[in-house]
Amino acid sequence: LWPGRVIDYKSVRGADVRRGAERLATIGWRGRSRNMYGEDPPTFSLNRGVRRVTVLARYRSGHIAAASVPVGRGRVTVVGPHPEAPASWSSTFAGPRRWDPNPWIDVERTAMS
């Protein structure tokens, strides 16, 4: 349904995720930096001529982390990291980043609008 390609993010030039193991990824979500759970996340490209795309989030590298496009009479929304993840998922890794599980409501609103 996605009008483009789904690509393994860690394989793209400039990716800050270099392994498939779960970790916190810093995502620019609608202009705000947020830490989200990511486990082998994808990035997304769009076919030429696709219009009316709403990019919700980008990885540090600038690649698309979440986006939504109209398809037929509906809409397809794709998300690479896991904004729906509960805070308990963050206990699987150590690091200085603070957990921020709040952007999931943004995905729901965009997907349904």
PDB file of N, CA and C in Angstrom:
ATOM      1  N   LEU A   1       0.804  -1.214   0.000  1.00  0.00           N
ATOM      2  CA  LEU A   1       0.000   0.000   0.000  1.00  0.00           C
ATOM      3  C   LEU A   1       0.841   1.269   0.000  1.00  0.00           C
ATOM      4  N   TRP A   2       2.070   1.201   0.530  1.00  0.00           N
ATOM      5  CA  TRP A   2       2.916   2.391   0.584  1.00  0.00           C
ATOM      6  C   TRP A   2       3.429   2.700  -0.823  1.00  0.00           C
ATOM      7  N   PRO A   3       3.246   3.932  -1.299  1.00  0.00           N
ATOM      8  CA  PRO A   3       3.684   4.273  -2.656  1.00  0.00           C
ATOM      9  C   PRO A   3       5.174   4.620  -2.717  1.00  0.00           C
ATOM     10  N   GLY A   4       5.988   3.658  -2.421  1.00  0.00           N
ATOM     11  CA  GLY A   4       7.442   3.848  -2.414  1.00  0.00           C
ATOM     12  C   GLY A   4       8.112   2.596  -1.883  1.00  0.00           C
ATOM     13  N   ARG A   5       9.288   2.772  -1.316  1.00  0.00           N
ATOM     14  CA  ARG A   5      10.040   1.635  -0.788  1.00  0.00           C
ATOM     15  C   ARG A   5      10.179   1.728   0.719  1.00  0.00           C
ATOM     16  N   VAL A   6      10.250   0.569   1.346  1.00  0.00           N
ATOM     17  CA  VAL A   6      10.565   0.458   2.774  1.00  0.00           C
ATOM     18  C   VAL A   6      12.001  -0.052   2.829  1.00  0.00           C
ATOM     19  N   ILE A   7      12.872   0.689   3.502  1.00  0.00           N
ATOM     20  CA  ILE A   7      14.308   0.423   3.478  1.00  0.00           C
ATOM     21  C   ILE A   7      14.823   0.218   4.898  1.00  0.00           C
ATOM     22  N   ASP A   8      15.730  -0.726   5.065  1.00  0.00           N
ATOM     23  CA  ASP A   8      16.383  -0.960   6.354  1.00  0.00           C
ATOM     24  C   ASP A   8      17.190   0.297   6.703  1.00  0.00           C
ATOM     25  N   TYR A   9      16.771   1.014   7.724  1.00  0.00           N
ATOM     26  CA  TYR A   9      17.401   2.295   8.044  1.00  0.00           C
ATOM     27  C   TYR A   9      18.899   2.179   8.306  1.00  0.00           C
ATOM     28  N   LYS A  10      19.314   1.141   9.000  1.00  0.00           N
ATOM     29  CA  LYS A  10      20.740   1.048   9.329  1.00  0.00           C
ATOM     30  C   LYS A  10      21.620   0.867   8.095  1.00  0.00           C
ATOM     31  N   SER A  11      21.026   0.570   6.950  1.00  0.00           N
ATOM     32  CA  SER A  11      21.799   0.384   5.721  1.00  0.00           C
ATOM     33  C   SER A  11      21.952   1.670   4.894  1.00  0.00           C
ATOM     34  N   VAL A  12      21.289   2.753   5.292  1.00  0.00           N
ATOM     35  CA  VAL A  12      21.363   3.981   4.504  1.00  0.00           C
ATOM     36  C   VAL A  12      22.506   4.867   4.963  1.00  0.00           C
ATOM     37  N   ARG A  13      23.010   5.664   4.050  1.00  0.00           N
ATOM     38  CA  ARG A  13      24.106   6.577   4.354  1.00  0.00           C
ATOM     39  C   ARG A  13      23.675   7.589   5.415  1.00  0.00           C
ATOM     40  N   GLY A  14      24.490   7.743   6.438  1.00  0.00           N
ATOM     41  CA  GLY A  14      24.220   8.712   7.495  1.00  0.00           C
ATOM     42  C   GLY A  14      23.367   8.189   8.634  1.00  0.00           C
ATOM     43  N   ALA A  15      22.978   6.919   8.591  1.00  0.00           N
ATOM     44  CA  ALA A  15      22.128   6.357   9.654  1.00  0.00           C
ATOM     45  C   ALA A  15      22.852   6.377  10.992  1.00  0.00           C
ATOM     46  N   ASP A  16      22.142   6.763  12.031  1.00  0.00           N
ATOM     47  CA  ASP A  16      22.717   6.745  13.375  1.00  0.00           C
ATOM     48  C   ASP A  16      22.347   5.466  14.119  1.00  0.00           C
ATOM     49  N   VAL A  17      21.602   4.576  13.496  1.00  0.00           N
ATOM     50  CA  VAL A  17      21.288   3.259  14.036  1.00  0.00           C
ATOM     51  C   VAL A  17      22.137   2.280  13.228  1.00  0.00           C
ATOM     52  N   ARG A  18      23.023   1.587  13.884  1.00  0.00           N
ATOM     53  CA  ARG A  18      23.968   0.739  13.160  1.00  0.00           C
ATOM     54  C   ARG A  18      23.771  -0.753  13.401  1.00  0.00           C
ATOM     55  N   ARG A  19      22.870  -1.096  14.290  1.00  0.00           N
ATOM     56  CA  ARG A  19      22.618  -2.509  14.561  1.00  0.00           C
ATOM     57  C   ARG A  19      21.116  -2.710  14.781  1.00  0.00           C
ATOM     58  N   GLY A  20      20.679  -3.954  14.677  1.00  0.00           N
ATOM     59  CA  GLY A  20      19.262  -4.254  14.795  1.00  0.00           C
ATOM     60  C   GLY A  20      18.754  -4.352  16.220  1.00  0.00           C
ATOM     61  N   ALA A  21      19.664  -4.397  17.181  1.00  0.00           N
ATOM     62  CA  ALA A  21      19.241  -4.544  18.576  1.00  0.00           C
ATOM     63  C   ALA A  21      18.418  -3.330  19.015  1.00  0.00           C
ATOM     64  N   GLU A  22      17.518  -3.573  19.927  1.00  0.00           N
ATOM     65  CA  GLU A  22      16.659  -2.497  20.400  1.00  0.00           C
ATOM     66  C   GLU A  22      17.478  -1.390  21.066  1.00  0.00           C
ATOM     67  N   ARG A  23      17.002  -0.168  20.905  1.00  0.00           N
ATOM     68  CA  ARG A  23      17.668   0.987  21.480  1.00  0.00           C
ATOM     69  C   ARG A  23      16.744   2.187  21.419  1.00  0.00           C
ATOM     70  N   LEU A  24      17.120   3.253  22.074  1.00  0.00           N
ATOM     71  CA  LEU A  24      16.403   4.509  21.936  1.00  0.00           C
ATOM     72  C   LEU A  24      16.985   5.267  20.751  1.00  0.00           C
ATOM     73  N   ALA A  25      16.129   5.781  19.921  1.00  0.00           N
ATOM     74  CA  ALA A  25      16.558   6.585  18.778  1.00  0.00           C
ATOM     75  C   ALA A  25      16.029   7.997  18.972  1.00  0.00           C
ATOM     76  N   THR A  26      16.831   8.991  18.636  1.00  0.00           N
ATOM     77  CA  THR A  26      16.377  10.374  18.699  1.00  0.00           C
ATOM     78  C   THR A  26      15.732  10.707  17.364  1.00  0.00           C
ATOM     79  N   ILE A  27      14.469  11.103  17.418  1.00  0.00           N
ATOM     80  CA  ILE A  27      13.663  11.354  16.233  1.00  0.00           C
ATOM     81  C   ILE A  27      13.185  12.805  16.262  1.00  0.00           C
ATOM     82  N   GLY A  28      13.253  13.474  15.128  1.00  0.00           N
ATOM     83  CA  GLY A  28      12.643  14.796  15.003  1.00  0.00           C
ATOM     84  C   GLY A  28      11.184  14.601  14.654  1.00  0.00           C
ATOM     85  N   TRP A  29      10.312  14.676  15.653  1.00  0.00           N
ATOM     86  CA  TRP A  29       8.884  14.404  15.470  1.00  0.00           C
ATOM     87  C   TRP A  29       8.133  15.719  15.404  1.00  0.00           C
ATOM     88  N   ARG A  30       7.691  16.077  14.185  1.00  0.00           N
ATOM     89  CA  ARG A  30       6.984  17.340  13.947  1.00  0.00           C
ATOM     90  C   ARG A  30       7.746  18.524  14.557  1.00  0.00           C
ATOM     91  N   GLY A  31       9.059  18.538  14.297  1.00  0.00           N
ATOM     92  CA  GLY A  31       9.884  19.657  14.726  1.00  0.00           C
ATOM     93  C   GLY A  31      10.390  19.586  16.151  1.00  0.00           C
ATOM     94  N   ARG A  32      10.034  18.548  16.872  1.00  0.00           N
ATOM     95  CA  ARG A  32      10.471  18.421  18.265  1.00  0.00           C
ATOM     96  C   ARG A  32      11.303  17.155  18.409  1.00  0.00           C
ATOM     97  N   SER A  33      12.437  17.268  19.054  1.00  0.00           N
ATOM     98  CA  SER A  33      13.304  16.108  19.270  1.00  0.00           C
ATOM     99  C   SER A  33      12.701  15.218  20.350  1.00  0.00           C
ATOM    100  N   ARG A  34      12.543  13.931  20.018  1.00  0.00           N
ATOM    101  CA  ARG A  34      11.970  12.973  20.965  1.00  0.00           C
ATOM    102  C   ARG A  34      12.782  11.686  20.934  1.00  0.00           C
ATOM    103  N   ASN A  35      12.876  11.029  22.062  1.00  0.00           N
ATOM    104  CA  ASN A  35      13.525   9.726  22.141  1.00  0.00           C
ATOM    105  C   ASN A  35      12.449   8.658  22.054  1.00  0.00           C
ATOM    106  N   MET A  36      12.639   7.725  21.121  1.00  0.00           N
ATOM    107  CA  MET A  36      11.667   6.650  20.929  1.00  0.00           C
ATOM    108  C   MET A  36      12.373   5.313  20.840  1.00  0.00           C
ATOM    109  N   TYR A  37      11.638   4.292  21.204  1.00  0.00           N
ATOM    110  CA  TYR A  37      12.128   2.931  21.083  1.00  0.00           C
ATOM    111  C   TYR A  37      12.254   2.592  19.602  1.00  0.00           C
ATOM    112  N   GLY A  38      13.375   2.011  19.240  1.00  0.00           N
ATOM    113  CA  GLY A  38      13.559   1.575  17.861  1.00  0.00           C
ATOM    114  C   GLY A  38      14.258   0.228  17.846  1.00  0.00           C
ATOM    115  N   GLU A  39      13.703  -0.712  17.130  1.00  0.00           N
ATOM    116  CA  GLU A  39      14.325  -2.031  16.998  1.00  0.00           C
ATOM    117  C   GLU A  39      14.383  -2.362  15.519  1.00  0.00           C
ATOM    118  N   ASP A  40      15.582  -2.238  14.946  1.00  0.00           N
ATOM    119  CA  ASP A  40      15.786  -2.479  13.521  1.00  0.00           C
ATOM    120  C   ASP A  40      14.783  -1.684  12.681  1.00  0.00           C
ATOM    121  N   PRO A  41      14.719  -0.366  12.890  1.00  0.00           N
ATOM    122  CA  PRO A  41      13.664   0.426  12.245  1.00  0.00           C
ATOM    123  C   PRO A  41      13.881   0.627  10.746  1.00  0.00           C
ATOM    124  N   PRO A  42      12.788   0.764  10.006  1.00  0.00           N
ATOM    125  CA  PRO A  42      12.888   1.080   8.579  1.00  0.00           C
ATOM    126  C   PRO A  42      12.849   2.591   8.353  1.00  0.00           C
ATOM    127  N   THR A  43      13.210   2.985   7.152  1.00  0.00           N
ATOM    128  CA  THR A  43      12.954   4.326   6.654  1.00  0.00           C
ATOM    129  C   THR A  43      12.150   4.147   5.368  1.00  0.00           C
ATOM    130  N   PHE A  44      11.619   5.227   4.860  1.00  0.00           N
ATOM    131  CA  PHE A  44      10.678   5.131   3.749  1.00  0.00           C
ATOM    132  C   PHE A  44      11.033   6.118   2.651  1.00  0.00           C
ATOM    133  N   SER A  45      10.974   5.657   1.413  1.00  0.00           N
ATOM    134  CA  SER A  45      11.139   6.555   0.273  1.00  0.00           C
ATOM    135  C   SER A  45       9.799   6.620  -0.451  1.00  0.00           C
ATOM    136  N   LEU A  46       9.632   7.647  -1.257  1.00  0.00           N
ATOM    137  CA  LEU A  46       8.395   7.827  -2.015  1.00  0.00           C
ATOM    138  C   LEU A  46       8.673   7.729  -3.504  1.00  0.00           C
ATOM    139  N   ASN A  47       7.756   7.127  -4.231  1.00  0.00           N
ATOM    140  CA  ASN A  47       7.847   7.103  -5.685  1.00  0.00           C
ATOM    141  C   ASN A  47       7.703   8.531  -6.222  1.00  0.00           C
ATOM    142  N   ARG A  48       8.272   8.780  -7.371  1.00  0.00           N
ATOM    143  CA  ARG A  48       8.123  10.093  -8.004  1.00  0.00           C
ATOM    144  C   ARG A  48       6.656  10.376  -8.267  1.00  0.00           C
ATOM    145  N   GLY A  49       6.294  11.622  -8.098  1.00  0.00           N
ATOM    146  CA  GLY A  49       4.927  12.038  -8.387  1.00  0.00           C
ATOM    147  C   GLY A  49       3.957  11.881  -7.228  1.00  0.00           C
ATOM    148  N   VAL A  50       4.394  11.299  -6.117  1.00  0.00           N
ATOM    149  CA  VAL A  50       3.505  11.169  -4.963  1.00  0.00           C
ATOM    150  C   VAL A  50       3.310  12.560  -4.368  1.00  0.00           C
ATOM    151  N   ARG A  51       2.066  12.925  -4.172  1.00  0.00           N
ATOM    152  CA  ARG A  51       1.750  14.260  -3.643  1.00  0.00           C
ATOM    153  C   ARG A  51       1.021  14.143  -2.319  1.00  0.00           C
ATOM    154  N   ARG A  52       0.948  15.233  -1.658  1.00  0.00           N
ATOM    155  CA  ARG A  52       0.200  15.351  -0.405  1.00  0.00           C
ATOM    156  C   ARG A  52       0.737  14.433   0.688  1.00  0.00           C
ATOM    157  N   VAL A  53       2.031  14.235   0.714  1.00  0.00           N
ATOM    158  CA  VAL A  53       2.632  13.454   1.786  1.00  0.00           C
ATOM    159  C   VAL A  53       2.770  14.338   3.022  1.00  0.00           C
ATOM    160  N   THR A  54       2.479  13.770   4.171  1.00  0.00           N
ATOM    161  CA  THR A  54       2.696  14.448   5.447  1.00  0.00           C
ATOM    162  C   THR A  54       3.828  13.714   6.147  1.00  0.00           C
ATOM    163  N   VAL A  55       4.978  14.354   6.256  1.00  0.00           N
ATOM    164  CA  VAL A  55       6.102  13.749   6.976  1.00  0.00           C
ATOM    165  C   VAL A  55       5.936  14.117   8.447  1.00  0.00           C
ATOM    166  N   LEU A  56       5.743  13.099   9.266  1.00  0.00           N
ATOM    167  CA  LEU A  56       5.558  13.300  10.700  1.00  0.00           C
ATOM    168  C   LEU A  56       6.882  13.355  11.444  1.00  0.00           C
ATOM    169  N   ALA A  57       7.861  12.574  10.956  1.00  0.00           N
ATOM    170  CA  ALA A  57       9.110  12.456  11.700  1.00  0.00           C
ATOM    171  C   ALA A  57      10.272  12.104  10.789  1.00  0.00           C
ATOM    172  N   ARG A  58      11.450  12.521  11.221  1.00  0.00           N
ATOM    173  CA  ARG A  58      12.684  12.186  10.516  1.00  0.00           C
ATOM    174  C   ARG A  58      13.728  11.715  11.521  1.00  0.00           C
ATOM    175  N   TYR A  59      14.580  10.811  11.041  1.00  0.00           N
ATOM    176  CA  TYR A  59      15.729  10.393  11.827  1.00  0.00           C
ATOM    177  C   TYR A  59      16.748  11.525  11.817  1.00  0.00           C
ATOM    178  N   ARG A  60      17.758  11.437  12.656  1.00  0.00           N
ATOM    179  CA  ARG A  60      18.820  12.446  12.680  1.00  0.00           C
ATOM    180  C   ARG A  60      19.438  12.673  11.316  1.00  0.00           C
ATOM    181  N   SER A  61      19.518  11.630  10.507  1.00  0.00           N
ATOM    182  CA  SER A  61      20.123  11.708   9.172  1.00  0.00           C
ATOM    183  C   SER A  61      19.262  12.474   8.176  1.00  0.00           C
ATOM    184  N   GLY A  62      17.995  12.727   8.521  1.00  0.00           N
ATOM    185  CA  GLY A  62      17.070  13.390   7.616  1.00  0.00           C
ATOM    186  C   GLY A  62      16.148  12.435   6.882  1.00  0.00           C
ATOM    187  N   HIS A  63      16.404  11.133   6.969  1.00  0.00           N
ATOM    188  CA  HIS A  63      15.537  10.141   6.322  1.00  0.00           C
ATOM    189  C   HIS A  63      14.177  10.091   7.033  1.00  0.00           C
ATOM    190  N   ILE A  64      13.155   9.712   6.294  1.00  0.00           N
ATOM    191  CA  ILE A  64      11.799   9.665   6.839  1.00  0.00           C
ATOM    192  C   ILE A  64      11.669   8.551   7.875  1.00  0.00           C
ATOM    193  N   ALA A  65      11.171   8.911   9.059  1.00  0.00           N
ATOM    194  CA  ALA A  65      10.897   7.942  10.125  1.00  0.00           C
ATOM    195  C   ALA A  65       9.400   7.641  10.221  1.00  0.00           C
ATOM    196  N   ALA A  66       8.550   8.590   9.821  1.00  0.00           N
ATOM    197  CA  ALA A  66       7.099   8.392   9.851  1.00  0.00           C
ATOM    198  C   ALA A  66       6.466   9.351   8.851  1.00  0.00           C
ATOM    199  N   ALA A  67       5.493   8.845   8.098  1.00  0.00           N
ATOM    200  CA  ALA A  67       4.812   9.672   7.101  1.00  0.00           C
ATOM    201  C   ALA A  67       3.434   9.112   6.805  1.00  0.00           C
ATOM    202  N   SER A  68       2.611   9.954   6.197  1.00  0.00           N
ATOM    203  CA  SER A  68       1.246   9.570   5.864  1.00  0.00           C
ATOM    204  C   SER A  68       0.913  10.105   4.470  1.00  0.00           C
ATOM    205  N   VAL A  69       0.248   9.279   3.667  1.00  0.00           N
ATOM    206  CA  VAL A  69      -0.162   9.689   2.317  1.00  0.00           C
ATOM    207  C   VAL A  69      -1.585   9.211   2.052  1.00  0.00           C
ATOM    208  N   PRO A  70      -2.343   9.982   1.276  1.00  0.00           N
ATOM    209  CA  PRO A  70      -3.651   9.500   0.857  1.00  0.00           C
ATOM    210  C   PRO A  70      -3.473   8.405  -0.185  1.00  0.00           C
ATOM    211  N   VAL A  71      -4.260   7.356  -0.078  1.00  0.00           N
ATOM    212  CA  VAL A  71      -4.243   6.266  -1.046  1.00  0.00           C
ATOM    213  C   VAL A  71      -5.700   5.907  -1.320  1.00  0.00           C
ATOM    214  N   GLY A  72      -6.111   6.081  -2.566  1.00  0.00           N
ATOM    215  CA  GLY A  72      -7.510   5.824  -2.898  1.00  0.00           C
ATOM    216  C   GLY A  72      -8.415   6.715  -2.071  1.00  0.00           C
ATOM    217  N   ARG A  73      -9.393   6.118  -1.404  1.00  0.00           N
ATOM    218  CA  ARG A  73     -10.300   6.884  -0.559  1.00  0.00           C
ATOM    219  C   ARG A  73      -9.864   6.867   0.902  1.00  0.00           C
ATOM    220  N   GLY A  74      -8.665   6.335   1.147  1.00  0.00           N
ATOM    221  CA  GLY A  74      -8.173   6.251   2.516  1.00  0.00           C
ATOM    222  C   GLY A  74      -6.821   6.908   2.694  1.00  0.00           C
ATOM    223  N   ARG A  75      -6.069   6.407   3.629  1.00  0.00           N
ATOM    224  CA  ARG A  75      -4.781   6.972   3.982  1.00  0.00           C
ATOM    225  C   ARG A  75      -3.896   5.855   4.504  1.00  0.00           C
ATOM    226  N   VAL A  76      -2.598   5.916   4.168  1.00  0.00           N
ATOM    227  CA  VAL A  76      -1.616   4.971   4.690  1.00  0.00           C
ATOM    228  C   VAL A  76      -0.614   5.764   5.518  1.00  0.00           C
ATOM    229  N   THR A  77      -0.411   5.331   6.741  1.00  0.00           N
ATOM    230  CA  THR A  77       0.572   5.948   7.617  1.00  0.00           C
ATOM    231  C   THR A  77       1.576   4.882   7.999  1.00  0.00           C
ATOM    232  N   VAL A  78       2.857   5.196   7.822  1.00  0.00           N
ATOM    233  CA  VAL A  78       3.932   4.267   8.170  1.00  0.00           C
ATOM    234  C   VAL A  78       4.818   4.912   9.228  1.00  0.00           C
ATOM    235  N   VAL A  79       5.293   4.080  10.154  1.00  0.00           N
ATOM    236  CA  VAL A  79       6.116   4.571  11.256  1.00  0.00           C
ATOM    237  C   VAL A  79       7.246   3.582  11.492  1.00  0.00           C
ATOM    238  N   GLY A  80       8.488   4.045  11.465  1.00  0.00           N
ATOM    239  CA  GLY A  80       9.653   3.188  11.696  1.00  0.00           C
ATOM    240  C   GLY A  80       9.910   2.908  13.160  1.00  0.00           C
ATOM    241  N   PRO A  81      10.096   3.943  13.993  1.00  0.00           N
ATOM    242  CA  PRO A  81      10.296   3.692  15.428  1.00  0.00           C
ATOM    243  C   PRO A  81       8.955   3.327  16.068  1.00  0.00           C
ATOM    244  N   HIS A  82       8.952   3.120  17.361  1.00  0.00           N
ATOM    245  CA  HIS A  82       7.738   2.676  18.054  1.00  0.00           C
ATOM    246  C   HIS A  82       7.231   3.730  19.039  1.00  0.00           C
ATOM    247  N   PRO A  83       6.472   4.738  18.566  1.00  0.00           N
ATOM    248  CA  PRO A  83       5.944   5.740  19.500  1.00  0.00           C
ATOM    249  C   PRO A  83       4.879   5.178  20.431  1.00  0.00           C
ATOM    250  N   GLU A  84       4.353   4.000  20.112  1.00  0.00           N
ATOM    251  CA  GLU A  84       3.328   3.372  20.959  1.00  0.00           C
ATOM    252  C   GLU A  84       3.922   2.567  22.111  1.00  0.00           C
ATOM    253  N   ALA A  85       5.242   2.424  22.120  1.00  0.00           N
ATOM    254  CA  ALA A  85       5.900   1.573  23.111  1.00  0.00           C
ATOM    255  C   ALA A  85       5.713   2.125  24.523  1.00  0.00           C
ATOM    256  N   PRO A  86       5.379   1.256  25.468  1.00  0.00           N
ATOM    257  CA  PRO A  86       5.269   1.703  26.861  1.00  0.00           C
ATOM    258  C   PRO A  86       6.659   1.977  27.439  1.00  0.00           C
ATOM    259  N   ALA A  87       6.703   2.780  28.466  1.00  0.00           N
ATOM    260  CA  ALA A  87       7.981   3.134  29.096  1.00  0.00           C
ATOM    261  C   ALA A  87       8.745   1.904  29.568  1.00  0.00           C
ATOM    262  N   SER A  88       8.049   0.814  29.884  1.00  0.00           N
ATOM    263  CA  SER A  88       8.721  -0.396  30.376  1.00  0.00           C
ATOM    264  C   SER A  88       9.683  -0.977  29.337  1.00  0.00           C
ATOM    265  N   TRP A  89       9.448  -0.712  28.048  1.00  0.00           N
ATOM    266  CA  TRP A  89      10.356  -1.220  27.020  1.00  0.00           C
ATOM    267  C   TRP A  89      11.735  -0.603  27.149  1.00  0.00           C
ATOM    268  N   SER A  90      11.820   0.593  27.696  1.00  0.00           N
ATOM    269  CA  SER A  90      13.110   1.275  27.790  1.00  0.00           C
ATOM    270  C   SER A  90      14.024   0.647  28.835  1.00  0.00           C
ATOM    271  N   SER A  91      13.524  -0.240  29.651  1.00  0.00           N
ATOM    272  CA  SER A  91      14.362  -0.877  30.670  1.00  0.00           C
ATOM    273  C   SER A  91      15.318  -1.889  30.060  1.00  0.00           C
ATOM    274  N   THR A  92      15.179  -2.179  28.761  1.00  0.00           N
ATOM    275  CA  THR A  92      16.038  -3.173  28.123  1.00  0.00           C
ATOM    276  C   THR A  92      17.367  -2.601  27.668  1.00  0.00           C
ATOM    277  N   PHE A  93      17.562  -1.301  27.821  1.00  0.00           N
ATOM    278  CA  PHE A  93      18.825  -0.727  27.407  1.00  0.00           C
ATOM    279  C   PHE A  93      19.263   0.378  28.332  1.00  0.00           C
ATOM    280  N   ALA A  94      20.557   0.583  28.368  1.00  0.00           N
ATOM    281  CA  ALA A  94      21.139   1.610  29.220  1.00  0.00           C
ATOM    282  C   ALA A  94      21.573   2.776  28.355  1.00  0.00           C
ATOM    283  N   GLY A  95      21.600   3.920  28.933  1.00  0.00           N
ATOM    284  CA  GLY A  95      22.063   5.089  28.206  1.00  0.00           C
ATOM    285  C   GLY A  95      21.551   6.366  28.832  1.00  0.00           C
ATOM    286  N   PRO A  96      22.082   7.488  28.380  1.00  0.00           N
ATOM    287  CA  PRO A  96      21.727   8.765  28.995  1.00  0.00           C
ATOM    288  C   PRO A  96      20.428   9.379  28.494  1.00  0.00           C
ATOM    289  N   ARG A  97      19.830   8.826  27.435  1.00  0.00           N
ATOM    290  CA  ARG A  97      18.634   9.450  26.867  1.00  0.00           C
ATOM    291  C   ARG A  97      17.405   9.229  27.733  1.00  0.00           C
ATOM    292  N   ARG A  98      16.556  10.234  27.789  1.00  0.00           N
ATOM    293  CA  ARG A  98      15.321  10.154  28.546  1.00  0.00           C
ATOM    294  C   ARG A  98      14.207   9.594  27.658  1.00  0.00           C
ATOM    295  N   TRP A  99      13.365   8.752  28.208  1.00  0.00           N
ATOM    296  CA  TRP A  99      12.263   8.134  27.480  1.00  0.00           C
ATOM    297  C   TRP A  99      11.143   9.134  27.240  1.00  0.00           C
ATOM    298  N   ASP A 100      10.571   9.153  26.049  1.00  0.00           N
ATOM    299  CA  ASP A 100       9.482  10.056  25.705  1.00  0.00           C
ATOM    300  C   ASP A 100       8.436   9.306  24.884  1.00  0.00           C
ATOM    301  N   PRO A 101       7.460   8.651  25.537  1.00  0.00           N
ATOM    302  CA  PRO A 101       6.480   7.839  24.807  1.00  0.00           C
ATOM    303  C   PRO A 101       5.245   8.605  24.330  1.00  0.00           C
ATOM    304  N   ASN A 102       5.267   9.930  24.315  1.00  0.00           N
ATOM    305  CA  ASN A 102       4.057  10.708  24.044  1.00  0.00           C
ATOM    306  C   ASN A 102       3.597  10.867  22.602  1.00  0.00           C
ATOM    307  N   PRO A 103       4.409  10.697  21.563  1.00  0.00           N
ATOM    308  CA  PRO A 103       3.944  11.052  20.228  1.00  0.00           C
ATOM    309  C   PRO A 103       2.923  10.107  19.597  1.00  0.00           C
ATOM    310  N   TRP A 104       2.579   9.000  20.230  1.00  0.00           N
ATOM    311  CA  TRP A 104       1.649   8.059  19.606  1.00  0.00           C
ATOM    312  C   TRP A 104       0.314   8.708  19.252  1.00  0.00           C
ATOM    313  N   ILE A 105      -0.179   9.608  20.098  1.00  0.00           N
ATOM    314  CA  ILE A 105      -1.459  10.270  19.817  1.00  0.00           C
ATOM    315  C   ILE A 105      -1.380  11.047  18.503  1.00  0.00           C
ATOM    316  N   ASP A 106      -0.221  11.568  18.174  1.00  0.00           N
ATOM    317  CA  ASP A 106      -0.013  12.290  16.919  1.00  0.00           C
ATOM    318  C   ASP A 106      -0.179  11.354  15.722  1.00  0.00           C
ATOM    319  N   VAL A 107       0.316  10.132  15.838  1.00  0.00           N
ATOM    320  CA  VAL A 107       0.163   9.134  14.765  1.00  0.00           C
ATOM    321  C   VAL A 107      -1.314   8.826  14.581  1.00  0.00           C
ATOM    322  N   GLU A 108      -2.019   8.608  15.673  1.00  0.00           N
ATOM    323  CA  GLU A 108      -3.444   8.286  15.586  1.00  0.00           C
ATOM    324  C   GLU A 108      -4.226   9.416  14.919  1.00  0.00           C
ATOM    325  N   ARG A 109      -3.993  10.637  15.323  1.00  0.00           N
ATOM    326  CA  ARG A 109      -4.716  11.767  14.751  1.00  0.00           C
ATOM    327  C   ARG A 109      -4.435  11.919  13.267  1.00  0.00           C
ATOM    328  N   THR A 110      -3.172  11.770  12.875  1.00  0.00           N
ATOM    329  CA  THR A 110      -2.802  11.929  11.472  1.00  0.00           C
ATOM    330  C   THR A 110      -3.377  10.803  10.624  1.00  0.00           C
ATOM    331  N   ALA A 111      -3.313   9.581  11.124  1.00  0.00           N
ATOM    332  CA  ALA A 111      -3.805   8.435  10.360  1.00  0.00           C
ATOM    333  C   ALA A 111      -5.314   8.505  10.157  1.00  0.00           C
ATOM    334  N   MET A 112      -6.034   9.126  11.073  1.00  0.00           N
ATOM    335  CA  MET A 112      -7.487   9.168  10.977  1.00  0.00           C
ATOM    336  C   MET A 112      -8.016  10.424  10.338  1.00  0.00           C
ATOM    337  N   SER A 113      -7.149  11.392  10.081  1.00  0.00           N
ATOM    338  CA  SER A 113      -7.657  12.651   9.513  1.00  0.00           C
ATOM    339  C   SER A 113      -7.704  12.612   7.997  1.00  0.00           C
TER     340      SER A 113
END
